[in-house]
C-alpha atoms as a PDB file:
ATOM      1  CA  MET A   1       0.000   0.000   0.000  1.00  0.00           C
ATOM      2  CA  ASP A   2       1.556   3.313  -1.074  1.00  0.00           C
ATOM      3  CA  ALA A   3       1.738   6.451   1.075  1.00  0.00           C
ATOM      4  CA  ALA A   4      -1.046   8.240  -0.828  1.00  0.00           C
ATOM      5  CA  MET A   5      -3.498   5.402  -0.250  1.00  0.00           C
ATOM      6  CA  MET A   6      -2.588   5.254   3.442  1.00  0.00           C
ATOM      7  CA  ALA A   7      -3.194   9.002   3.725  1.00  0.00           C
ATOM      8  CA  ASP A   8      -6.601   8.637   2.075  1.00  0.00           C
ATOM      9  CA  LEU A   9      -7.583   5.899   4.528  1.00  0.00           C
ATOM     10  CA  ALA A  10      -6.421   8.002   7.464  1.00  0.00           C
ATOM     11  CA  THR A  11      -8.521  10.966   6.412  1.00  0.00           C
ATOM     12  CA  ALA A  12     -11.661   8.958   5.550  1.00  0.00           C
ATOM     13  CA  PRO A  13     -12.988   8.847   9.146  1.00  0.00           C
ATOM     14  CA  GLU A  14     -12.292  12.574   9.512  1.00  0.00           C
ATOM     15  CA  ALA A  15     -14.185  13.334   6.324  1.00  0.00           C
ATOM     16  CA  GLU A  16     -17.116  11.196   7.492  1.00  0.00           C
ATOM     17  CA  GLU A  17     -17.173  13.004  10.836  1.00  0.00           C
ATOM     18  CA  GLN A  18     -17.110  16.398   9.123  1.00  0.00           C
ATOM     19  CA  LEU A  19     -20.026  15.355   6.911  1.00  0.00           C
ATOM     20  CA  GLN A  20     -21.931  14.182   9.989  1.00  0.00           C
ATOM     21  CA  LEU A  21     -21.321  17.525  11.714  1.00  0.00           C
ATOM     22  CA  LEU A  22     -22.598  19.377   8.644  1.00  0.00           C
ATOM     23  CA  GLU A  23     -25.731  17.229   8.678  1.00  0.00           C
ATOM     24  CA  LEU A  24     -26.116  17.920  12.406  1.00  0.00           C
ATOM     25  CA  ASP A  25     -25.848  21.683  11.887  1.00  0.00           C
ATOM     26  CA  SER A  26     -28.479  21.523   9.167  1.00  0.00           C
ATOM     27  CA  LEU A  27     -30.843  19.466  11.340  1.00  0.00           C
ATOM     28  CA  LEU A  28     -30.475  21.783  14.348  1.00  0.00           C
ATOM     29  CA  ASP A  29     -30.987  24.843  12.169  1.00  0.00           C
ATOM     30  CA  LEU A  30     -34.208  23.374  10.772  1.00  0.00           C
ATOM     31  CA  LEU A  31     -35.376  22.443  14.279  1.00  0.00           C
ATOM     32  CA  TRP A  32     -34.932  26.078  15.315  1.00  0.00           C
ATOM     33  CA  ARG A  33     -36.517  27.652  12.219  1.00  0.00           C
ATOM     34  CA  ARG A  34     -39.429  25.220  11.990  1.00  0.00           C
ATOM     35  CA  HIS A  35     -40.217  24.506  15.652  1.00  0.00           C
ATOM     36  CA  GLN A  36     -38.371  27.217  17.660  1.00  0.00           C
ATOM     37  CA  PHE A  37     -36.312  24.728  19.678  1.00  0.00           C
ATOM     38  CA  ASP A  38     -32.743  26.016  19.704  1.00  0.00           C
ATOM     39  CA  PHE A  39     -29.996  23.486  20.442  1.00  0.00           C
ATOM     40  CA  ARG A  40     -27.373  25.188  18.269  1.00  0.00           C
ATOM     41  CA  GLY A  41     -25.345  26.362  21.271  1.00  0.00           C
ATOM     42  CA  TYR A  42     -25.201  22.981  22.986  1.00  0.00           C
ATOM     43  CA  SER A  43     -21.920  21.065  23.186  1.00  0.00           C
ATOM     44  CA  ARG A  44     -21.529  19.551  19.720  1.00  0.00           C
ATOM     45  CA  GLY A  45     -19.990  16.300  20.907  1.00  0.00           C
ATOM     46  CA  SER A  46     -22.833  15.670  23.330  1.00  0.00           C
ATOM     47  CA  ILE A  47     -25.612  16.662  20.919  1.00  0.00           C
ATOM     48  CA  LEU A  48     -24.069  14.574  18.112  1.00  0.00           C
ATOM     49  CA  ARG A  49     -24.018  11.445  20.278  1.00  0.00           C
ATOM     50  CA  ARG A  50     -27.685  11.961  21.163  1.00  0.00           C
ATOM     51  CA  MET A  51     -28.685  12.562  17.554  1.00  0.00           C
ATOM     52  CA  VAL A  52     -26.879   9.417  16.407  1.00  0.00           C
ATOM     53  CA  ARG A  53     -28.911   7.465  18.983  1.00  0.00           C
ATOM     54  CA  ALA A  54     -32.074   9.135  17.651  1.00  0.00           C
ATOM     55  CA  GLN A  55     -31.042   8.255  14.088  1.00  0.00           C
ATOM     56  CA  GLN A  56     -30.752   4.608  15.090  1.00  0.00           C
ATOM     57  CA  TYR A  57     -34.031   4.688  17.033  1.00  0.00           C
ATOM     58  CA  PHE A  58     -35.940   6.034  14.031  1.00  0.00           C
ATOM     59  CA  GLY A  59     -34.254   3.583  11.651  1.00  0.00           C
ATOM     60  CA  CYS A  60     -32.555   6.263   9.580  1.00  0.00           C
ATOM     61  CA  GLU A  61     -29.325   5.676   7.658  1.00  0.00           C
ATOM     62  CA  SER A  62     -28.081   9.225   8.207  1.00  0.00           C
ATOM     63  CA  LEU A  63     -28.846  12.459  10.024  1.00  0.00           C
ATOM     64  CA  SER A  64     -30.015  13.870   6.695  1.00  0.00           C
ATOM     65  CA  MET A  65     -32.651  11.143   6.519  1.00  0.00           C
ATOM     66  CA  LEU A  66     -33.653  11.955  10.100  1.00  0.00           C
ATOM     67  CA  GLN A  67     -33.990  15.602   9.092  1.00  0.00           C
ATOM     68  CA  HIS A  68     -36.198  14.582   6.167  1.00  0.00           C
ATOM     69  CA  ARG A  69     -38.492  12.645   8.504  1.00  0.00           C
ATOM     70  CA  MET A  70     -38.642  15.545  10.951  1.00  0.00           C
ATOM     71  CA  LEU A  71     -39.605  17.861   8.109  1.00  0.00           C
ATOM     72  CA  HIS A  72     -42.332  15.632   6.690  1.00  0.00           C
ATOM     73  CA  GLU A  73     -43.487  13.739   9.816  1.00  0.00           C
ATOM     74  CA  PRO A  74     -44.019  16.359  12.546  1.00  0.00           C
ATOM     75  CA  ALA A  75     -45.559  13.689  14.789  1.00  0.00           C
ATOM     76  CA  ILE A  76     -42.064  12.357  15.571  1.00  0.00           C
ATOM     77  CA  LEU A  77     -40.992  15.671  17.146  1.00  0.00           C
ATOM     78  CA  PRO A  78     -41.838  14.792  20.797  1.00  0.00           C
ATOM     79  CA  ASP A  79     -39.829  11.557  20.601  1.00  0.00           C
ATOM     80  CA  LEU A  80     -36.973  13.369  18.885  1.00  0.00           C
ATOM     81  CA  LEU A  81     -36.891  16.014  21.619  1.00  0.00           C
ATOM     82  CA  SER A  82     -36.604  13.273  24.242  1.00  0.00           C
ATOM     83  CA  PHE A  83     -33.189  12.452  22.768  1.00  0.00           C
ATOM     84  CA  LEU A  84     -32.102  16.091  22.735  1.00  0.00           C
ATOM     85  CA  THR A  85     -33.031  16.875  26.322  1.00  0.00           C
ATOM     86  CA  ILE A  86     -31.387  15.129  29.280  1.00  0.00           C
ATOM     87  CA  HIS A  87     -33.645  14.045  32.148  1.00  0.00           C
ATOM     88  CA  VAL A  88     -31.337  12.366  34.625  1.00  0.00           C
ATOM     89  CA  SER A  89     -32.082  13.442  38.169  1.00  0.00           C
ATOM     90  CA  GLU A  90     -32.992  12.242  41.627  1.00  0.00           C
ATOM     91  CA  MET A  91     -34.366  13.794  44.776  1.00  0.00           C
ATOM     92  CA  PHE A  92     -31.812  15.521  46.998  1.00  0.00           C
ATOM     93  CA  ARG A  93     -29.094  14.676  44.501  1.00  0.00           C
ATOM     94  CA  ASP A  94     -25.695  15.594  46.001  1.00  0.00           C
ATOM     95  CA  PRO A  95     -27.032  15.853  49.577  1.00  0.00           C
ATOM     96  CA  ALA A  96     -24.216  18.188  50.650  1.00  0.00           C
ATOM     97  CA  TYR A  97     -25.690  20.821  48.319  1.00  0.00           C
ATOM     98  CA  PHE A  98     -29.074  20.633  50.042  1.00  0.00           C
ATOM     99  CA  ARG A  99     -27.441  20.595  53.477  1.00  0.00           C
ATOM    100  CA  ALA A 100     -25.578  23.792  52.569  1.00  0.00           C
ATOM    101  CA  LEU A 101     -28.850  25.359  51.428  1.00  0.00           C
ATOM    102  CA  ARG A 102     -30.528  24.286  54.666  1.00  0.00           C
ATOM    103  CA  GLU A 103     -27.780  25.394  57.043  1.00  0.00           C
ATOM    104  CA  GLN A 104     -26.215  28.373  55.274  1.00  0.00           C
ATOM    105  CA  VAL A 105     -28.481  29.820  52.579  1.00  0.00           C
ATOM    106  CA  LEU A 106     -31.984  29.552  54.055  1.00  0.00           C
ATOM    107  CA  PRO A 107     -31.091  31.558  57.201  1.00  0.00           C
ATOM    108  CA  HIS A 108     -30.281  34.460  54.865  1.00  0.00           C
ATOM    109  CA  LEU A 109     -33.397  33.947  52.764  1.00  0.00           C
ATOM    110  CA  ALA A 110     -35.534  33.838  55.905  1.00  0.00           C
ATOM    111  CA  THR A 111     -34.891  37.575  56.347  1.00  0.00           C
ATOM    112  CA  PHE A 112     -36.991  38.354  53.229  1.00  0.00           C
ATOM    113  CA  PRO A 113     -40.758  38.784  53.781  1.00  0.00           C
ATOM    114  CA  SER A 114     -41.529  36.676  50.688  1.00  0.00           C
ATOM    115  CA  LEU A 115     -39.431  34.478  48.443  1.00  0.00           C
ATOM    116  CA  LYS A 116     -39.236  33.360  44.829  1.00  0.00           C
ATOM    117  CA  VAL A 117     -37.221  30.318  43.784  1.00  0.00           C
ATOM    118  CA  TRP A 118     -36.437  29.399  40.178  1.00  0.00           C
ATOM    119  CA  ILE A 119     -35.571  25.790  39.314  1.00  0.00           C
ATOM    120  CA  ALA A 120     -34.136  26.247  35.817  1.00  0.00           C
ATOM    121  CA  GLY A 121     -34.075  23.029  33.820  1.00  0.00           C
ATOM    122  CA  CYS A 122     -36.332  21.283  36.334  1.00  0.00           C
ATOM    123  CA  SER A 123     -36.520  18.103  34.220  1.00  0.00           C
ATOM    124  CA  THR A 124     -39.131  15.714  35.649  1.00  0.00           C
ATOM    125  CA  GLY A 125     -39.402  17.551  38.953  1.00  0.00           C
ATOM    126  CA  GLU A 126     -37.146  15.744  41.412  1.00  0.00           C
ATOM    127  CA  GLU A 127     -35.278  18.912  42.353  1.00  0.00           C
ATOM    128  CA  LEU A 128     -38.490  20.912  42.669  1.00  0.00           C
ATOM    129  CA  TYR A 129     -39.950  18.478  45.199  1.00  0.00           C
ATOM    130  CA  SER A 130     -36.624  18.346  47.029  1.00  0.00           C
ATOM    131  CA  LEU A 131     -36.625  22.125  47.440  1.00  0.00           C
ATOM    132  CA  ALA A 132     -40.319  22.237  48.340  1.00  0.00           C
ATOM    133  CA  ILE A 133     -39.708  19.678  51.102  1.00  0.00           C
ATOM    134  CA  LEU A 134     -36.607  21.528  52.279  1.00  0.00           C
ATOM    135  CA  PHE A 135     -38.445  24.853  52.488  1.00  0.00           C
ATOM    136  CA  ARG A 136     -41.352  23.195  54.292  1.00  0.00           C
ATOM    137  CA  GLU A 137     -39.056  21.627  56.846  1.00  0.00           C
ATOM    138  CA  GLU A 138     -37.460  25.020  57.470  1.00  0.00           C
ATOM    139  CA  GLY A 139     -40.809  26.792  57.768  1.00  0.00           C
ATOM    140  CA  LEU A 140     -40.474  28.897  54.621  1.00  0.00           C
ATOM    141  CA  ASP A 141     -42.841  27.147  52.207  1.00  0.00           C
ATOM    142  CA  SER A 142     -45.903  29.276  52.974  1.00  0.00           C
ATOM    143  CA  ARG A 143     -44.153  32.448  51.785  1.00  0.00           C
ATOM    144  CA  THR A 144     -42.262  30.951  48.845  1.00  0.00           C
ATOM    145  CA  LEU A 145     -43.300  30.842  45.194  1.00  0.00           C
ATOM    146  CA  PHE A 146     -41.503  28.302  43.024  1.00  0.00           C
ATOM    147  CA  TYR A 147     -40.931  28.618  39.271  1.00  0.00           C
ATOM    148  CA  ALA A 148     -40.190  25.244  37.663  1.00  0.00           C
ATOM    149  CA  THR A 149     -39.089  25.652  34.046  1.00  0.00           C
ATOM    150  CA  ASP A 150     -37.804  23.361  31.339  1.00  0.00           C
ATOM    151  CA  ILE A 151     -37.541  23.312  27.569  1.00  0.00           C
ATOM    152  CA  SER A 152     -39.399  19.981  27.383  1.00  0.00           C
ATOM    153  CA  PRO A 153     -43.215  19.973  27.664  1.00  0.00           C
ATOM    154  CA  ALA A 154     -43.150  16.207  28.310  1.00  0.00           C
ATOM    155  CA  ALA A 155     -40.772  16.629  31.252  1.00  0.00           C
ATOM    156  CA  LEU A 156     -42.946  19.381  32.714  1.00  0.00           C
ATOM    157  CA  ARG A 157     -46.031  17.156  32.538  1.00  0.00           C
ATOM    158  CA  LYS A 158     -44.189  14.472  34.513  1.00  0.00           C
ATOM    159  CA  ALA A 159     -43.024  17.076  37.018  1.00  0.00           C
ATOM    160  CA  GLU A 160     -46.593  18.247  37.572  1.00  0.00           C
ATOM    161  CA  LEU A 161     -47.713  14.675  38.261  1.00  0.00           C
ATOM    162  CA  GLY A 162     -45.032  14.121  40.896  1.00  0.00           C
ATOM    163  CA  ILE A 163     -45.114  10.330  40.535  1.00  0.00           C
ATOM    164  CA  TYR A 164     -41.866   8.333  40.619  1.00  0.00           C
ATOM    165  CA  ASP A 165     -41.021   4.642  40.436  1.00  0.00           C
ATOM    166  CA  MET A 166     -41.093   3.063  43.864  1.00  0.00           C
ATOM    167  CA  ASP A 167     -37.708   1.436  43.346  1.00  0.00           C
ATOM    168  CA  ARG A 168     -36.140   4.922  43.288  1.00  0.00           C
ATOM    169  CA  VAL A 169     -37.555   5.934  46.663  1.00  0.00           C
ATOM    170  CA  ALA A 170     -34.884   4.194  48.749  1.00  0.00           C
ATOM    171  CA  GLY A 171     -32.229   6.344  47.063  1.00  0.00           C
ATOM    172  CA  PHE A 172     -34.362   9.455  47.515  1.00  0.00           C
ATOM    173  CA  THR A 173     -34.770   8.633  51.208  1.00  0.00           C
ATOM    174  CA  ALA A 174     -31.043   8.136  51.791  1.00  0.00           C
ATOM    175  CA  ASN A 175     -30.263  11.453  50.087  1.00  0.00           C
ATOM    176  CA  HIS A 176     -32.953  13.229  52.100  1.00  0.00           C
ATOM    177  CA  GLN A 177     -31.522  11.976  55.390  1.00  0.00           C
ATOM    178  CA  ALA A 178     -27.997  12.964  54.354  1.00  0.00           C
ATOM    179  CA  SER A 179     -29.246  16.479  53.583  1.00  0.00           C
ATOM    180  CA  GLY A 180     -30.072  17.034  57.254  1.00  0.00           C
ATOM    181  CA  ALA A 181     -33.729  16.027  57.073  1.00  0.00           C
ATOM    182  CA  ARG A 182     -35.961  16.978  59.987  1.00  0.00           C
ATOM    183  CA  THR A 183     -38.499  14.237  59.281  1.00  0.00           C
ATOM    184  CA  SER A 184     -38.990  11.096  57.202  1.00  0.00           C
ATOM    185  CA  LEU A 185     -39.433  11.363  53.442  1.00  0.00           C
ATOM    186  CA  SER A 186     -42.363   8.940  53.769  1.00  0.00           C
ATOM    187  CA  HIS A 187     -44.388  11.822  55.249  1.00  0.00           C
ATOM    188  CA  TYR A 188     -44.454  13.435  51.811  1.00  0.00           C
ATOM    189  CA  TYR A 189     -45.659  10.650  49.506  1.00  0.00           C
ATOM    190  CA  THR A 190     -48.199   7.860  49.224  1.00  0.00           C
ATOM    191  CA  ALA A 191     -48.135   4.676  47.154  1.00  0.00           C
ATOM    192  CA  ALA A 192     -50.310   5.251  44.082  1.00  0.00           C
ATOM    193  CA  TYR A 193     -50.401   4.506  40.348  1.00  0.00           C
ATOM    194  CA  GLY A 194     -47.760   1.823  40.814  1.00  0.00           C
ATOM    195  CA  GLY A 195     -45.284   4.307  42.255  1.00  0.00           C
ATOM    196  CA  ALA A 196     -44.737   7.003  44.862  1.00  0.00           C
ATOM    197  CA  ARG A 197     -47.042  10.014  44.458  1.00  0.00           C
ATOM    198  CA  PHE A 198     -45.709  13.096  46.206  1.00  0.00           C
ATOM    199  CA  ASP A 199     -48.139  15.253  48.143  1.00  0.00           C
ATOM    200  CA  PRO A 200     -49.841  17.703  45.734  1.00  0.00           C
ATOM    201  CA  SER A 201     -49.589  20.386  48.425  1.00  0.00           C
ATOM    202  CA  LEU A 202     -45.840  20.482  47.726  1.00  0.00           C
ATOM    203  CA  ARG A 203     -46.570  22.048  44.342  1.00  0.00           C
ATOM    204  CA  GLU A 204     -49.477  24.284  45.344  1.00  0.00           C
ATOM    205  CA  ARG A 205     -47.210  27.322  45.145  1.00  0.00           C
ATOM    206  CA  THR A 206     -45.431  26.260  41.949  1.00  0.00           C
ATOM    207  CA  LEU A 207     -45.716  27.711  38.464  1.00  0.00           C
ATOM    208  CA  PHE A 208     -44.659  25.243  35.740  1.00  0.00           C
ATOM    209  CA  ALA A 209     -43.624  26.849  32.460  1.00  0.00           C
ATOM    210  CA  GLU A 210     -41.667  26.199  29.290  1.00  0.00           C
ATOM    211  CA  HIS A 211     -38.531  28.327  29.237  1.00  0.00           C
ATOM    212  CA  SER A 212     -35.352  28.071  27.189  1.00  0.00           C
ATOM    213  CA  LEU A 213     -32.061  29.397  28.515  1.00  0.00           C
ATOM    214  CA  VAL A 214     -30.985  29.565  24.879  1.00  0.00           C
ATOM    215  CA  SER A 215     -33.573  32.000  23.547  1.00  0.00           C
ATOM    216  CA  ASP A 216     -35.925  33.260  26.294  1.00  0.00           C
ATOM    217  CA  GLN A 217     -35.454  36.255  28.537  1.00  0.00           C
ATOM    218  CA  VAL A 218     -35.649  37.069  32.238  1.00  0.00           C
ATOM    219  CA  PHE A 219     -39.193  36.824  33.603  1.00  0.00           C
ATOM    220  CA  GLY A 220     -38.888  38.207  37.139  1.00  0.00           C
ATOM    221  CA  GLU A 221     -36.740  38.799  40.191  1.00  0.00           C
ATOM    222  CA  VAL A 222     -35.998  35.752  42.333  1.00  0.00           C
ATOM    223  CA  HIS A 223     -34.087  35.048  45.533  1.00  0.00           C
ATOM    224  CA  LEU A 224     -32.650  31.626  44.687  1.00  0.00           C
ATOM    225  CA  ILE A 225     -31.885  29.981  41.353  1.00  0.00           C
ATOM    226  CA  SER A 226     -31.046  26.291  41.283  1.00  0.00           C
ATOM    227  CA  CYS A 227     -29.760  25.242  37.860  1.00  0.00           C
ATOM    228  CA  ARG A 228     -27.731  22.110  38.284  1.00  0.00           C
ATOM    229  CA  ASN A 229     -26.088  19.945  35.635  1.00  0.00           C
ATOM    230  CA  VAL A 230     -27.513  21.984  32.776  1.00  0.00           C
ATOM    231  CA  LEU A 231     -24.629  24.294  31.849  1.00  0.00           C
ATOM    232  CA  ILE A 232     -22.306  21.327  31.247  1.00  0.00           C
ATOM    233  CA  TYR A 233     -24.282  20.589  28.065  1.00  0.00           C
ATOM    234  CA  PHE A 234     -23.794  24.141  26.697  1.00  0.00           C
ATOM    235  CA  ASP A 235     -20.870  25.582  24.795  1.00  0.00           C
ATOM    236  CA  ARG A 236     -19.035  28.552  26.334  1.00  0.00           C
ATOM    237  CA  PRO A 237     -21.053  31.395  24.696  1.00  0.00           C
ATOM    238  CA  LEU A 238     -24.346  29.764  25.700  1.00  0.00           C
ATOM    239  CA  GLN A 239     -23.094  29.170  29.243  1.00  0.00           C
ATOM    240  CA  ASP A 240     -22.280  32.875  29.395  1.00  0.00           C
ATOM    241  CA  ARG A 241     -25.755  33.811  28.172  1.00  0.00           C
ATOM    242  CA  ALA A 242     -27.405  31.621  30.789  1.00  0.00           C
ATOM    243  CA  VAL A 243     -25.306  33.020  33.627  1.00  0.00           C
ATOM    244  CA  GLY A 244     -26.187  36.516  32.412  1.00  0.00           C
ATOM    245  CA  LEU A 245     -29.872  35.622  32.687  1.00  0.00           C
ATOM    246  CA  PHE A 246     -29.320  34.343  36.212  1.00  0.00           C
ATOM    247  CA  ARG A 247     -27.491  37.504  37.211  1.00  0.00           C
ATOM    248  CA  GLU A 248     -30.315  39.674  35.859  1.00  0.00           C
ATOM    249  CA  SER A 249     -32.955  37.518  37.528  1.00  0.00           C
ATOM    250  CA  LEU A 250     -31.510  37.491  41.029  1.00  0.00           C
ATOM    251  CA  VAL A 251     -32.266  40.154  43.594  1.00  0.00           C
ATOM    252  CA  ARG A 252     -29.227  41.651  45.270  1.00  0.00           C
ATOM    253  CA  GLY A 253     -28.281  39.257  48.001  1.00  0.00           C
ATOM    254  CA  GLY A 254     -29.800  36.326  46.085  1.00  0.00           C
ATOM    255  CA  PHE A 255     -28.151  32.949  45.533  1.00  0.00           C
ATOM    256  CA  LEU A 256     -27.275  30.746  42.571  1.00  0.00           C
ATOM    257  CA  GLY A 257     -26.683  27.000  42.865  1.00  0.00           C
ATOM    258  CA  LEU A 258     -24.908  25.044  40.125  1.00  0.00           C
ATOM    259  CA  GLY A 259     -23.966  21.402  39.583  1.00  0.00           C
ATOM    260  CA  ALA A 260     -20.886  19.774  41.078  1.00  0.00           C
ATOM    261  CA  LYS A 261     -18.932  20.044  37.810  1.00  0.00           C
ATOM    262  CA  GLU A 262     -20.030  23.585  36.940  1.00  0.00           C
ATOM    263  CA  THR A 263     -18.388  26.889  37.810  1.00  0.00           C
ATOM    264  CA  LEU A 264     -18.657  30.635  37.200  1.00  0.00           C
ATOM    265  CA  ARG A 265     -14.896  31.001  37.147  1.00  0.00           C
ATOM    266  CA  PHE A 266     -14.619  31.568  33.393  1.00  0.00           C
ATOM    267  CA  SER A 267     -17.827  33.521  32.901  1.00  0.00           C
ATOM    268  CA  SER A 268     -17.808  37.177  31.892  1.00  0.00           C
ATOM    269  CA  HIS A 269     -20.472  37.624  34.605  1.00  0.00           C
ATOM    270  CA  ALA A 270     -18.254  36.256  37.378  1.00  0.00           C
ATOM    271  CA  ASN A 271     -17.683  39.754  38.779  1.00  0.00           C
ATOM    272  CA  GLY A 272     -21.335  39.876  39.829  1.00  0.00           C
ATOM    273  CA  PHE A 273     -20.950  36.952  42.215  1.00  0.00           C
ATOM    274  CA  THR A 274     -18.820  35.691  45.048  1.00  0.00           C
ATOM    275  CA  GLU A 275     -18.407  32.110  46.197  1.00  0.00           C
ATOM    276  CA  PHE A 276     -20.670  31.460  49.162  1.00  0.00           C
ATOM    277  CA  ALA A 277     -20.315  27.693  49.627  1.00  0.00           C
ATOM    278  CA  ALA A 278     -17.518  26.893  47.200  1.00  0.00           C
ATOM    279  CA  GLN A 279     -17.488  23.119  47.574  1.00  0.00           C
ATOM    280  CA  GLU A 280     -21.227  22.927  46.882  1.00  0.00           C
ATOM    281  CA  ARG A 281     -21.082  25.433  43.974  1.00  0.00           C
ATOM    282  CA  ILE A 282     -23.339  27.998  45.627  1.00  0.00           C
ATOM    283  CA  TYR A 283     -22.768  31.633  44.680  1.00  0.00           C
ATOM    284  CA  TRP A 284     -24.010  34.883  46.178  1.00  0.00           C
ATOM    285  CA  LYS A 285     -24.963  37.939  44.145  1.00  0.00           C
ATOM    286  CA  ALA A 286     -23.433  41.155  45.450  1.00  0.00           C
ATOM    287  CA  ASN A 287     -25.918  43.059  47.594  1.00  0.00           C
ATOM    288  CA  SER A 288     -24.543  46.478  46.750  1.00  0.00           C
ATOM    289  CA  ALA A 289     -22.727  48.074  43.843  1.00  0.00           C
ATOM    290  CA  GLY A 290     -19.518  48.309  45.840  1.00  0.00           C
ATOM    291  CA  ASN A 291     -19.520  44.756  47.129  1.00  0.00           C
ATOM    292  CA  VAL A 292     -18.608  42.738  44.085  1.00  0.00           C
ATOM    293  CA  VAL A 293     -16.050  39.966  44.346  1.00  0.00           C
ATOM    294  CA  HIS A 294     -14.504  38.026  41.473  1.00  0.00           C
ATOM    295  CA  VAL A 295     -14.828  34.245  41.814  1.00  0.00           C
END
């Protein structure tokens, strides 16, 4: 085999990958223009892997064929979106985060006469119910309004139901106890519909709404934003946009909680925050123009 042929073989996989990325860009552009779902700023490696799985699921030979089906078979859109949006969560996930909220953040929030909490990217609701239980245990639920938002209508419907497989409850319970629970998690759910149905009163003061961190704007001032394990799926410019939205949304003296692998360190909005509980990725928004600390 001569050198030219070896070079051609070496570049073949690269050429195939480049073609696949072009097809991906075309598909995502159509998804935005036709259906107003914008995934163009998501991490390309992550979104490509999910679209390849969708391609296989729908029995398509290429992403171009998947795009053709999306264009001519709009009924497949909900299933396609389930591949594009990640819904991996559990109640009181990373218990140290919820313990830090309980012991360090909520005493500050308790000084406000009323509270608004935004769970951005609430997925199927596990974090919402975790926070609702936490606020109830600390006596703040009656003066707190929760905003639970997600890009996926299907995820929001599941969140509103508040029903989870019973085999997940043991993990939820262990996390709850590790978060510094003041009571048993069993006080908040009943066995129903083949699973655990969480008390509807936990969501009485919750507004569920579709909201995209990619394209939508600020909708109000809030005292706590919990957006965990969402930014890791965005590219750097989109991460920066989302953090800008959070900064605009928070009242002075408000708090932002991120996922364990997320940080504000490289954001252009970092000068609006200081680390409050660094290990748990909880940040505090400066409460006066002269009290701004770079993280």
